[in-house]
Amino acid sequence: MPQYKYADVGINLTDSVFRGKYYGKQHHEDDTEHVLQRAIEIGCIKFMVTGSDLKESKHAIALAEKYPGRCYATVGVHPCSAKTFDSHPGGPPQLLQVLEDLAIDAKKRGLATAYGEIGLDYDRLMLTGKEQQLKYFEAQLDIAVKVQLPLFLHSRAAGEDFKRLLASRLPQLPKKGLVHSFTGTVEEMQMLVALGLDVGVNGCSMKTEENLEVVKKIPLGHLQIETDGPWCEMRASHASAKYKGDAPPLPHSVKKERWNKDTMVKGRNESATIAHVAHVIAKVKGIPTSEVCEAAWNNSIRMFGLGETLEDQAP
């Protein structure tokens, strides 16, 4: 019996590496099933699969259909992909309508639990310009309000614009939302919490000493944990490394060329590593891991549901 219970609220299972394809080259078979099973064995029993454009949102829903009660989808277009609205064959209005219809249908079927990944990313304006990001973040926020799904949000170097667009709509979204993979300042974190949002922490959220100071100050009532796999693994060069000495063991990992179904792949993060995310957060905050896990689980279920209720808390 696993010691703790986790929900990985940010996992990119639609990425081709979980089908064995790296940089366009096939190295091994689809191992999604084994990735999920490794996570379940350490107590990670719920997975929110990120949709970052129309194709990936559909794929995330398909995974939720394939793994009922385990996987749930988000629906939306990431800020770095927002330019696809203008290149969509039927134009932006048609893509917005398709996303709305997709979200409504998937919510009705209990497959979609959040609208996103949406937001602003001013560090990557070379991928999509600021004007397009702002326009389609606002338009998608309006969809989320219509559909009444909590938000799965992305914010990088865009604090004021992010707050401005959210502030008028959050009162219409009772469950608010999660700013995932947070790497901002203490002041930005406090601003988000004041808006009623939760903060998602993964390996990328704990790279530097400054990051750790932020994590230390995130209120437990607004904390959720994630891996953002296949990215955001916790590395030996990160500030978090010094807290991992007595962390629980992870499954063995090998290079992708030596893949087998029972091992993780080096350099490919997956949901089983969420145990280390929770462990480091607990060490940084100076509290028991059980306290972190219980708070994060409750916050995730309260916001996203994931087929659970807070009354059903048996490990």
C-alpha atoms as a PDB file:
ATOM      1  CA  MET A   1       0.000   0.000   0.000  1.00  0.00           C
ATOM      2  CA  PRO A   2       1.540   3.368  -1.024  1.00  0.00           C
ATOM      3  CA  GLN A   3       2.293   5.693   1.869  1.00  0.00           C
ATOM      4  CA  TYR A   4       0.791   8.801   0.229  1.00  0.00           C
ATOM      5  CA  LYS A   5      -1.799   9.679  -2.395  1.00  0.00           C
ATOM      6  CA  TYR A   6      -1.067  12.023  -5.305  1.00  0.00           C
ATOM      7  CA  ALA A   7      -2.770  13.660  -8.271  1.00  0.00           C
ATOM      8  CA  ASP A   8      -0.435  14.714 -11.081  1.00  0.00           C
ATOM      9  CA  VAL A   9      -2.391  17.729 -12.336  1.00  0.00           C
ATOM     10  CA  GLY A  10       0.096  18.538 -15.112  1.00  0.00           C
ATOM     11  CA  ILE A  11       1.306  15.635 -17.257  1.00  0.00           C
ATOM     12  CA  ASN A  12       1.833  15.868 -21.026  1.00  0.00           C
ATOM     13  CA  LEU A  13       0.944  12.299 -21.948  1.00  0.00           C
ATOM     14  CA  THR A  14       0.123  13.471 -25.487  1.00  0.00           C
ATOM     15  CA  ASP A  15       3.840  14.048 -26.156  1.00  0.00           C
ATOM     16  CA  SER A  16       5.341  11.671 -28.702  1.00  0.00           C
ATOM     17  CA  VAL A  17       8.046  10.470 -26.282  1.00  0.00           C
ATOM     18  CA  PHE A  18       5.365   8.483 -24.444  1.00  0.00           C
ATOM     19  CA  ARG A  19       4.815   6.693 -27.742  1.00  0.00           C
ATOM     20  CA  GLY A  20       8.546   5.987 -27.993  1.00  0.00           C
ATOM     21  CA  LYS A  21       9.307   8.685 -30.568  1.00  0.00           C
ATOM     22  CA  TYR A  22      12.134  11.135 -29.783  1.00  0.00           C
ATOM     23  CA  TYR A  23      13.083  13.956 -32.178  1.00  0.00           C
ATOM     24  CA  GLY A  24      11.202  12.203 -34.976  1.00  0.00           C
ATOM     25  CA  LYS A  25      12.860   8.801 -34.490  1.00  0.00           C
ATOM     26  CA  GLN A  26      11.084   5.727 -33.111  1.00  0.00           C
ATOM     27  CA  HIS A  27      13.046   4.125 -30.248  1.00  0.00           C
ATOM     28  CA  HIS A  28      10.471   1.938 -28.519  1.00  0.00           C
ATOM     29  CA  GLU A  29       6.791   1.062 -28.375  1.00  0.00           C
ATOM     30  CA  ASP A  30       4.054   3.160 -26.778  1.00  0.00           C
ATOM     31  CA  ASP A  31       4.555   2.765 -23.029  1.00  0.00           C
ATOM     32  CA  THR A  32       1.823   5.027 -21.642  1.00  0.00           C
ATOM     33  CA  GLU A  33       0.319   2.040 -19.823  1.00  0.00           C
ATOM     34  CA  HIS A  34       3.611   1.332 -18.028  1.00  0.00           C
ATOM     35  CA  VAL A  35       4.144   5.030 -17.196  1.00  0.00           C
ATOM     36  CA  LEU A  36       0.732   5.131 -15.530  1.00  0.00           C
ATOM     37  CA  GLN A  37       1.295   1.849 -13.710  1.00  0.00           C
ATOM     38  CA  ARG A  38       4.622   3.003 -12.235  1.00  0.00           C
ATOM     39  CA  ALA A  39       2.919   6.128 -10.942  1.00  0.00           C
ATOM     40  CA  ILE A  40      -0.016   4.192  -9.486  1.00  0.00           C
ATOM     41  CA  GLU A  41       2.395   1.939  -7.610  1.00  0.00           C
ATOM     42  CA  ILE A  42       3.837   4.934  -5.735  1.00  0.00           C
ATOM     43  CA  GLY A  43       0.354   6.337  -4.998  1.00  0.00           C
ATOM     44  CA  CYS A  44      -0.183   8.729  -7.923  1.00  0.00           C
ATOM     45  CA  ILE A  45      -3.672   7.633  -8.920  1.00  0.00           C
ATOM     46  CA  LYS A  46      -5.056  10.627 -10.853  1.00  0.00           C
ATOM     47  CA  PHE A  47      -3.615  12.266 -13.965  1.00  0.00           C
ATOM     48  CA  MET A  48      -4.731  15.512 -15.608  1.00  0.00           C
ATOM     49  CA  VAL A  49      -3.480  15.371 -19.189  1.00  0.00           C
ATOM     50  CA  THR A  50      -2.606  18.744 -20.679  1.00  0.00           C
ATOM     51  CA  GLY A  51      -4.168  19.919 -23.928  1.00  0.00           C
ATOM     52  CA  SER A  52      -2.095  22.718 -25.466  1.00  0.00           C
ATOM     53  CA  ASP A  53      -3.732  23.004 -28.893  1.00  0.00           C
ATOM     54  CA  LEU A  54      -6.769  21.526 -30.649  1.00  0.00           C
ATOM     55  CA  LYS A  55      -5.023  18.306 -31.706  1.00  0.00           C
ATOM     56  CA  GLU A  56      -3.521  17.674 -28.271  1.00  0.00           C
ATOM     57  CA  SER A  57      -6.800  18.511 -26.529  1.00  0.00           C
ATOM     58  CA  LYS A  58      -8.522  15.841 -28.611  1.00  0.00           C
ATOM     59  CA  HIS A  59      -5.695  13.427 -27.818  1.00  0.00           C
ATOM     60  CA  ALA A  60      -5.978  14.211 -24.083  1.00  0.00           C
ATOM     61  CA  ILE A  61      -9.712  13.445 -24.241  1.00  0.00           C
ATOM     62  CA  ALA A  62      -8.960  10.165 -26.038  1.00  0.00           C
ATOM     63  CA  LEU A  63      -6.578   9.198 -23.216  1.00  0.00           C
ATOM     64  CA  ALA A  64      -9.279  10.047 -20.669  1.00  0.00           C
ATOM     65  CA  GLU A  65     -11.621   7.719 -22.580  1.00  0.00           C
ATOM     66  CA  LYS A  66      -8.993   4.966 -22.673  1.00  0.00           C
ATOM     67  CA  TYR A  67      -8.143   5.232 -18.957  1.00  0.00           C
ATOM     68  CA  PRO A  68     -11.469   6.090 -17.273  1.00  0.00           C
ATOM     69  CA  GLY A  69     -11.251   7.138 -13.652  1.00  0.00           C
ATOM     70  CA  ARG A  70      -7.493   7.670 -13.984  1.00  0.00           C
ATOM     71  CA  CYS A  71      -6.931  10.239 -16.732  1.00  0.00           C
ATOM     72  CA  TYR A  72      -8.773  13.515 -17.258  1.00  0.00           C
ATOM     73  CA  ALA A  73      -8.198  16.138 -19.932  1.00  0.00           C
ATOM     74  CA  THR A  74      -7.730  19.857 -20.228  1.00  0.00           C
ATOM     75  CA  VAL A  75      -8.912  21.632 -23.387  1.00  0.00           C
ATOM     76  CA  GLY A  76      -7.325  24.801 -24.747  1.00  0.00           C
ATOM     77  CA  VAL A  77      -4.586  26.502 -26.774  1.00  0.00           C
ATOM     78  CA  HIS A  78      -1.269  27.415 -25.121  1.00  0.00           C
ATOM     79  CA  PRO A  79      -0.102  31.048 -25.529  1.00  0.00           C
ATOM     80  CA  CYS A  80       2.904  29.929 -27.585  1.00  0.00           C
ATOM     81  CA  SER A  81       0.475  28.291 -30.041  1.00  0.00           C
ATOM     82  CA  ALA A  82      -2.041  31.167 -30.086  1.00  0.00           C
ATOM     83  CA  LYS A  83      -0.996  32.144 -33.620  1.00  0.00           C
ATOM     84  CA  THR A  84      -2.792  28.996 -34.824  1.00  0.00           C
ATOM     85  CA  PHE A  85      -6.080  30.859 -34.368  1.00  0.00           C
ATOM     86  CA  ASP A  86      -5.162  33.153 -37.260  1.00  0.00           C
ATOM     87  CA  SER A  87      -3.976  30.299 -39.484  1.00  0.00           C
ATOM     88  CA  HIS A  88      -6.985  28.049 -38.800  1.00  0.00           C
ATOM     89  CA  PRO A  89      -8.772  27.214 -42.095  1.00  0.00           C
ATOM     90  CA  GLY A  90     -12.109  28.566 -40.878  1.00  0.00           C
ATOM     91  CA  GLY A  91     -10.557  31.553 -39.114  1.00  0.00           C
ATOM     92  CA  PRO A  92     -10.372  32.348 -35.376  1.00  0.00           C
ATOM     93  CA  PRO A  93     -14.164  32.297 -34.747  1.00  0.00           C
ATOM     94  CA  GLN A  94     -14.421  28.731 -36.030  1.00  0.00           C
ATOM     95  CA  LEU A  95     -11.512  27.453 -33.926  1.00  0.00           C
ATOM     96  CA  LEU A  96     -12.953  29.154 -30.841  1.00  0.00           C
ATOM     97  CA  GLN A  97     -16.316  27.492 -31.509  1.00  0.00           C
ATOM     98  CA  VAL A  98     -14.715  24.082 -32.043  1.00  0.00           C
ATOM     99  CA  LEU A  99     -12.844  24.426 -28.728  1.00  0.00           C
ATOM    100  CA  GLU A 100     -16.019  25.485 -26.925  1.00  0.00           C
ATOM    101  CA  ASP A 101     -18.005  22.567 -28.344  1.00  0.00           C
ATOM    102  CA  LEU A 102     -15.189  20.147 -27.531  1.00  0.00           C
ATOM    103  CA  ALA A 103     -14.962  21.391 -23.937  1.00  0.00           C
ATOM    104  CA  ILE A 104     -18.728  21.245 -23.412  1.00  0.00           C
ATOM    105  CA  ASP A 105     -18.982  17.702 -24.763  1.00  0.00           C
ATOM    106  CA  ALA A 106     -15.950  16.406 -22.840  1.00  0.00           C
ATOM    107  CA  LYS A 107     -17.174  18.012 -19.615  1.00  0.00           C
ATOM    108  CA  LYS A 108     -20.602  16.395 -20.014  1.00  0.00           C
ATOM    109  CA  ARG A 109     -18.941  13.019 -20.426  1.00  0.00           C
ATOM    110  CA  GLY A 110     -16.777  13.544 -17.331  1.00  0.00           C
ATOM    111  CA  LEU A 111     -13.580  13.593 -19.384  1.00  0.00           C
ATOM    112  CA  ALA A 112     -12.511  17.281 -19.244  1.00  0.00           C
ATOM    113  CA  THR A 113     -11.901  18.848 -15.871  1.00  0.00           C
ATOM    114  CA  ALA A 114     -10.208  22.151 -16.800  1.00  0.00           C
ATOM    115  CA  TYR A 115      -9.977  24.722 -19.574  1.00  0.00           C
ATOM    116  CA  GLY A 116      -6.382  25.267 -20.620  1.00  0.00           C
ATOM    117  CA  GLU A 117      -3.465  25.352 -20.991  1.00  0.00           C
ATOM    118  CA  ILE A 118      -4.051  29.053 -21.647  1.00  0.00           C
ATOM    119  CA  GLY A 119      -2.332  32.238 -20.570  1.00  0.00           C
ATOM    120  CA  LEU A 120       0.541  34.528 -21.523  1.00  0.00           C
ATOM    121  CA  ASP A 121       4.234  33.911 -22.178  1.00  0.00           C
ATOM    122  CA  TYR A 122       6.247  37.061 -22.872  1.00  0.00           C
ATOM    123  CA  ASP A 123       9.548  35.160 -22.748  1.00  0.00           C
ATOM    124  CA  ARG A 124       8.635  33.391 -25.991  1.00  0.00           C
ATOM    125  CA  LEU A 125       7.229  36.128 -28.172  1.00  0.00           C
ATOM    126  CA  MET A 126       9.210  34.679 -31.076  1.00  0.00           C
ATOM    127  CA  LEU A 127       6.644  31.852 -31.134  1.00  0.00           C
ATOM    128  CA  THR A 128       3.494  34.002 -30.891  1.00  0.00           C
ATOM    129  CA  GLY A 129       3.388  37.803 -30.615  1.00  0.00           C
ATOM    130  CA  LYS A 130       2.000  39.700 -27.643  1.00  0.00           C
ATOM    131  CA  GLU A 131      -1.072  40.989 -29.484  1.00  0.00           C
ATOM    132  CA  GLN A 132      -2.163  37.494 -30.534  1.00  0.00           C
ATOM    133  CA  GLN A 133      -1.475  36.088 -27.065  1.00  0.00           C
ATOM    134  CA  LEU A 134      -3.598  38.762 -25.391  1.00  0.00           C
ATOM    135  CA  LYS A 135      -6.448  38.495 -27.897  1.00  0.00           C
ATOM    136  CA  TYR A 136      -6.816  34.733 -27.694  1.00  0.00           C
ATOM    137  CA  PHE A 137      -6.194  34.463 -23.956  1.00  0.00           C
ATOM    138  CA  GLU A 138      -9.148  36.801 -23.469  1.00  0.00           C
ATOM    139  CA  ALA A 139     -11.290  34.904 -25.967  1.00  0.00           C
ATOM    140  CA  GLN A 140     -10.534  31.572 -24.296  1.00  0.00           C
ATOM    141  CA  LEU A 141     -11.248  32.964 -20.849  1.00  0.00           C
ATOM    142  CA  ASP A 142     -14.715  33.779 -22.169  1.00  0.00           C
ATOM    143  CA  ILE A 143     -15.105  30.150 -23.291  1.00  0.00           C
ATOM    144  CA  ALA A 144     -14.100  28.919 -19.829  1.00  0.00           C
ATOM    145  CA  VAL A 145     -16.764  31.131 -18.266  1.00  0.00           C
ATOM    146  CA  LYS A 146     -19.393  29.765 -20.685  1.00  0.00           C
ATOM    147  CA  VAL A 147     -18.374  26.169 -20.115  1.00  0.00           C
ATOM    148  CA  GLN A 148     -17.826  26.679 -16.360  1.00  0.00           C
ATOM    149  CA  LEU A 149     -14.567  24.786 -16.127  1.00  0.00           C
ATOM    150  CA  PRO A 150     -11.757  25.818 -13.769  1.00  0.00           C
ATOM    151  CA  LEU A 151      -8.690  27.256 -15.492  1.00  0.00           C
ATOM    152  CA  PHE A 152      -5.352  25.570 -16.190  1.00  0.00           C
ATOM    153  CA  LEU A 153      -3.082  28.560 -16.625  1.00  0.00           C
ATOM    154  CA  HIS A 154       0.374  29.462 -17.946  1.00  0.00           C
ATOM    155  CA  SER A 155       2.072  32.735 -16.978  1.00  0.00           C
ATOM    156  CA  ARG A 156       5.640  33.774 -17.737  1.00  0.00           C
ATOM    157  CA  ALA A 157       6.951  37.347 -17.494  1.00  0.00           C
ATOM    158  CA  ALA A 158       3.453  38.765 -18.038  1.00  0.00           C
ATOM    159  CA  GLY A 159       2.234  39.486 -14.506  1.00  0.00           C
ATOM    160  CA  GLU A 160       0.246  42.694 -14.973  1.00  0.00           C
ATOM    161  CA  ASP A 161      -1.501  41.751 -18.224  1.00  0.00           C
ATOM    162  CA  PHE A 162      -2.202  38.300 -16.817  1.00  0.00           C
ATOM    163  CA  LYS A 163      -3.813  39.762 -13.714  1.00  0.00           C
ATOM    164  CA  ARG A 164      -5.788  42.365 -15.668  1.00  0.00           C
ATOM    165  CA  LEU A 165      -7.442  39.852 -17.981  1.00  0.00           C
ATOM    166  CA  LEU A 166      -8.166  37.365 -15.210  1.00  0.00           C
ATOM    167  CA  ALA A 167      -9.507  39.764 -12.609  1.00  0.00           C
ATOM    168  CA  SER A 168     -12.768  40.569 -14.390  1.00  0.00           C
ATOM    169  CA  ARG A 169     -13.580  36.916 -15.139  1.00  0.00           C
ATOM    170  CA  LEU A 170     -12.564  35.040 -11.995  1.00  0.00           C
ATOM    171  CA  PRO A 171     -15.710  36.147 -10.096  1.00  0.00           C
ATOM    172  CA  GLN A 172     -17.667  34.196 -12.747  1.00  0.00           C
ATOM    173  CA  LEU A 173     -15.597  31.051 -12.165  1.00  0.00           C
ATOM    174  CA  PRO A 174     -16.389  29.680  -8.683  1.00  0.00           C
ATOM    175  CA  LYS A 175     -13.526  27.138  -8.767  1.00  0.00           C
ATOM    176  CA  LYS A 176     -11.026  29.718 -10.123  1.00  0.00           C
ATOM    177  CA  GLY A 177      -7.997  27.837 -11.457  1.00  0.00           C
ATOM    178  CA  LEU A 178      -4.386  26.726 -11.206  1.00  0.00           C
ATOM    179  CA  VAL A 179      -1.298  28.593 -12.426  1.00  0.00           C
ATOM    180  CA  HIS A 180       0.802  25.578 -13.267  1.00  0.00           C
ATOM    181  CA  SER A 181       4.581  25.136 -13.336  1.00  0.00           C
ATOM    182  CA  PHE A 182       5.038  28.356 -11.374  1.00  0.00           C
ATOM    183  CA  THR A 183       8.496  29.963 -11.523  1.00  0.00           C
ATOM    184  CA  GLY A 184       7.672  33.566 -10.615  1.00  0.00           C
ATOM    185  CA  THR A 185       8.505  35.776  -7.642  1.00  0.00           C
ATOM    186  CA  VAL A 186       7.056  35.784  -4.130  1.00  0.00           C
ATOM    187  CA  GLU A 187       5.119  38.926  -5.013  1.00  0.00           C
ATOM    188  CA  GLU A 188       3.634  37.315  -8.144  1.00  0.00           C
ATOM    189  CA  MET A 189       2.680  34.218  -6.166  1.00  0.00           C
ATOM    190  CA  GLN A 190       0.982  36.340  -3.514  1.00  0.00           C
ATOM    191  CA  MET A 191      -0.915  38.247  -6.208  1.00  0.00           C
ATOM    192  CA  LEU A 192      -2.216  34.979  -7.676  1.00  0.00           C
ATOM    193  CA  VAL A 193      -3.245  33.652  -4.273  1.00  0.00           C
ATOM    194  CA  ALA A 194      -5.040  36.944  -3.549  1.00  0.00           C
ATOM    195  CA  LEU A 195      -7.052  36.355  -6.742  1.00  0.00           C
ATOM    196  CA  GLY A 196      -8.098  32.970  -5.357  1.00  0.00           C
ATOM    197  CA  LEU A 197      -5.879  30.919  -7.673  1.00  0.00           C
ATOM    198  CA  ASP A 198      -3.812  27.869  -6.768  1.00  0.00           C
ATOM    199  CA  VAL A 199      -0.112  27.486  -7.586  1.00  0.00           C
ATOM    200  CA  GLY A 200       1.300  24.364  -9.269  1.00  0.00           C
ATOM    201  CA  VAL A 201       4.783  23.224  -8.253  1.00  0.00           C
ATOM    202  CA  ASN A 202       7.062  20.815 -10.139  1.00  0.00           C
ATOM    203  CA  GLY A 203      10.798  20.357 -10.689  1.00  0.00           C
ATOM    204  CA  CYS A 204      11.062  23.571 -12.729  1.00  0.00           C
ATOM    205  CA  SER A 205       9.518  25.452  -9.807  1.00  0.00           C
ATOM    206  CA  MET A 206      12.461  24.509  -7.588  1.00  0.00           C
ATOM    207  CA  LYS A 207      15.582  25.047  -9.725  1.00  0.00           C
ATOM    208  CA  THR A 208      17.037  28.008  -7.809  1.00  0.00           C
ATOM    209  CA  GLU A 209      17.323  29.211  -4.237  1.00  0.00           C
ATOM    210  CA  GLU A 210      14.920  32.033  -5.159  1.00  0.00           C
ATOM    211  CA  ASN A 211      12.414  29.424  -6.397  1.00  0.00           C
ATOM    212  CA  LEU A 212      12.685  27.559  -3.093  1.00  0.00           C
ATOM    213  CA  GLU A 213      11.960  30.736  -1.130  1.00  0.00           C
ATOM    214  CA  VAL A 214       8.758  31.123  -3.151  1.00  0.00           C
ATOM    215  CA  VAL A 215       7.724  27.497  -2.568  1.00  0.00           C
ATOM    216  CA  LYS A 216       8.382  27.939   1.145  1.00  0.00           C
ATOM    217  CA  LYS A 217       5.806  30.755   1.224  1.00  0.00           C
ATOM    218  CA  ILE A 218       3.018  29.215  -0.890  1.00  0.00           C
ATOM    219  CA  PRO A 219       0.074  28.716   1.484  1.00  0.00           C
ATOM    220  CA  LEU A 220      -0.825  25.018   1.776  1.00  0.00           C
ATOM    221  CA  GLY A 221      -4.430  25.923   0.988  1.00  0.00           C
ATOM    222  CA  HIS A 222      -3.326  27.078  -2.496  1.00  0.00           C
ATOM    223  CA  LEU A 223      -0.696  24.428  -3.343  1.00  0.00           C
ATOM    224  CA  GLN A 224      -1.008  21.712  -5.992  1.00  0.00           C
ATOM    225  CA  ILE A 225       1.728  19.384  -7.230  1.00  0.00           C
ATOM    226  CA  GLU A 226       2.562  18.143 -10.710  1.00  0.00           C
ATOM    227  CA  THR A 227       5.425  16.789 -12.787  1.00  0.00           C
ATOM    228  CA  ASP A 228       4.842  18.496 -16.182  1.00  0.00           C
ATOM    229  CA  GLY A 229       6.417  15.350 -17.645  1.00  0.00           C
ATOM    230  CA  PRO A 230       8.142  14.679 -19.950  1.00  0.00           C
ATOM    231  CA  TRP A 231       9.728  18.006 -18.964  1.00  0.00           C
ATOM    232  CA  CYS A 232      10.673  19.618 -15.648  1.00  0.00           C
ATOM    233  CA  GLU A 233      12.562  16.711 -14.133  1.00  0.00           C
ATOM    234  CA  MET A 234      14.460  17.456 -10.917  1.00  0.00           C
ATOM    235  CA  ARG A 235      18.180  17.498 -11.707  1.00  0.00           C
ATOM    236  CA  ALA A 236      21.349  17.231  -9.648  1.00  0.00           C
ATOM    237  CA  SER A 237      22.240  20.809 -10.664  1.00  0.00           C
ATOM    238  CA  HIS A 238      19.025  22.248  -9.168  1.00  0.00           C
ATOM    239  CA  ALA A 239      18.792  23.879  -5.744  1.00  0.00           C
ATOM    240  CA  SER A 240      16.221  21.202  -4.851  1.00  0.00           C
ATOM    241  CA  ALA A 241      18.867  18.455  -5.070  1.00  0.00           C
ATOM    242  CA  LYS A 242      20.156  19.003  -1.544  1.00  0.00           C
ATOM    243  CA  TYR A 243      16.750  18.008  -0.159  1.00  0.00           C
ATOM    244  CA  LYS A 244      16.543  14.689  -2.011  1.00  0.00           C
ATOM    245  CA  GLY A 245      19.022  12.694   0.091  1.00  0.00           C
ATOM    246  CA  ASP A 246      16.378  10.758   1.997  1.00  0.00           C
ATOM    247  CA  ALA A 247      13.687  10.878  -0.693  1.00  0.00           C
ATOM    248  CA  PRO A 248      11.860   7.631  -1.483  1.00  0.00           C
ATOM    249  CA  PRO A 249      13.474   5.549  -4.243  1.00  0.00           C
ATOM    250  CA  LEU A 250      12.209   5.944  -7.800  1.00  0.00           C
ATOM    251  CA  PRO A 251      11.947   3.211 -10.433  1.00  0.00           C
ATOM    252  CA  HIS A 252      15.204   2.467 -12.250  1.00  0.00           C
ATOM    253  CA  SER A 253      15.860   4.516 -15.409  1.00  0.00           C
ATOM    254  CA  VAL A 254      17.826   3.691 -18.566  1.00  0.00           C
ATOM    255  CA  LYS A 255      18.715   5.442 -21.816  1.00  0.00           C
ATOM    256  CA  LYS A 256      15.964   5.331 -24.418  1.00  0.00           C
ATOM    257  CA  GLU A 257      18.071   2.994 -26.552  1.00  0.00           C
ATOM    258  CA  ARG A 258      17.904   0.406 -23.736  1.00  0.00           C
ATOM    259  CA  TRP A 259      14.202   0.893 -23.009  1.00  0.00           C
ATOM    260  CA  ASN A 260      12.159  -1.845 -21.436  1.00  0.00           C
ATOM    261  CA  LYS A 261       8.646  -1.681 -20.055  1.00  0.00           C
ATOM    262  CA  ASP A 262       9.761  -1.827 -16.414  1.00  0.00           C
ATOM    263  CA  THR A 263      12.076   1.211 -16.428  1.00  0.00           C
ATOM    264  CA  MET A 264      11.831   4.959 -16.709  1.00  0.00           C
ATOM    265  CA  VAL A 265      13.725   6.682 -19.529  1.00  0.00           C
ATOM    266  CA  LYS A 266      16.632   8.961 -18.599  1.00  0.00           C
ATOM    267  CA  GLY A 267      15.795  12.584 -19.388  1.00  0.00           C
ATOM    268  CA  ARG A 268      12.066  11.842 -19.772  1.00  0.00           C
ATOM    269  CA  ASN A 269      10.159  12.937 -16.696  1.00  0.00           C
ATOM    270  CA  GLU A 270       7.047  10.987 -15.719  1.00  0.00           C
ATOM    271  CA  SER A 271       4.367  10.946 -13.036  1.00  0.00           C
ATOM    272  CA  ALA A 272       6.154   8.514 -10.686  1.00  0.00           C
ATOM    273  CA  THR A 273       8.606  11.311  -9.839  1.00  0.00           C
ATOM    274  CA  ILE A 274       5.824  13.293  -8.153  1.00  0.00           C
ATOM    275  CA  ALA A 275       6.907  11.603  -4.923  1.00  0.00           C
ATOM    276  CA  HIS A 276      10.157  13.594  -5.067  1.00  0.00           C
ATOM    277  CA  VAL A 277       8.310  16.854  -5.784  1.00  0.00           C
ATOM    278  CA  ALA A 278       6.210  16.386  -2.645  1.00  0.00           C
ATOM    279  CA  HIS A 279       9.243  15.311  -0.589  1.00  0.00           C
ATOM    280  CA  VAL A 280      11.266  18.409  -1.490  1.00  0.00           C
ATOM    281  CA  ILE A 281       8.325  20.772  -0.907  1.00  0.00           C
ATOM    282  CA  ALA A 282       7.922  19.267   2.564  1.00  0.00           C
ATOM    283  CA  LYS A 283      11.642  19.654   3.354  1.00  0.00           C
ATOM    284  CA  VAL A 284      11.639  23.268   2.131  1.00  0.00           C
ATOM    285  CA  LYS A 285       8.586  24.090   4.222  1.00  0.00           C
ATOM    286  CA  GLY A 286       9.827  22.104   7.232  1.00  0.00           C
ATOM    287  CA  ILE A 287       6.629  20.059   7.527  1.00  0.00           C
ATOM    288  CA  PRO A 288       5.812  16.343   7.106  1.00  0.00           C
ATOM    289  CA  THR A 289       5.393  15.028   3.567  1.00  0.00           C
ATOM    290  CA  SER A 290       1.978  13.717   4.616  1.00  0.00           C
ATOM    291  CA  GLU A 291       0.846  17.295   5.234  1.00  0.00           C
ATOM    292  CA  VAL A 292       1.940  18.414   1.763  1.00  0.00           C
ATOM    293  CA  CYS A 293       0.304  15.418   0.079  1.00  0.00           C
ATOM    294  CA  GLU A 294      -2.981  15.789   1.924  1.00  0.00           C
ATOM    295  CA  ALA A 295      -3.225  19.513   1.192  1.00  0.00           C
ATOM    296  CA  ALA A 296      -2.308  19.144  -2.487  1.00  0.00           C
ATOM    297  CA  TRP A 297      -4.708  16.225  -2.996  1.00  0.00           C
ATOM    298  CA  ASN A 298      -7.585  18.077  -1.323  1.00  0.00           C
ATOM    299  CA  ASN A 299      -6.913  21.240  -3.343  1.00  0.00           C
ATOM    300  CA  SER A 300      -6.801  19.305  -6.628  1.00  0.00           C
ATOM    301  CA  ILE A 301     -10.011  17.382  -5.910  1.00  0.00           C
ATOM    302  CA  ARG A 302     -11.789  20.516  -4.695  1.00  0.00           C
ATOM    303  CA  MET A 303     -10.879  22.378  -7.895  1.00  0.00           C
ATOM    304  CA  PHE A 304     -10.889  19.705 -10.604  1.00  0.00           C
ATOM    305  CA  GLY A 305     -12.920  16.830  -9.158  1.00  0.00           C
ATOM    306  CA  LEU A 306     -10.997  14.097 -11.013  1.00  0.00           C
ATOM    307  CA  GLY A 307     -13.801  11.660 -10.278  1.00  0.00           C
ATOM    308  CA  GLU A 308     -13.382  12.056  -6.508  1.00  0.00           C
ATOM    309  CA  THR A 309     -15.058  13.832  -3.640  1.00  0.00           C
ATOM    310  CA  LEU A 310     -13.394  15.190  -0.523  1.00  0.00           C
ATOM    311  CA  GLU A 311     -15.587  12.856   1.550  1.00  0.00           C
ATOM    312  CA  ASP A 312     -13.825   9.848   0.018  1.00  0.00           C
ATOM    313  CA  GLN A 313     -10.347  10.119   1.493  1.00  0.00           C
ATOM    314  CA  ALA A 314      -9.328   6.502   2.021  1.00  0.00           C
ATOM    315  CA  PRO A 315      -5.699   6.028   0.897  1.00  0.00           C
END
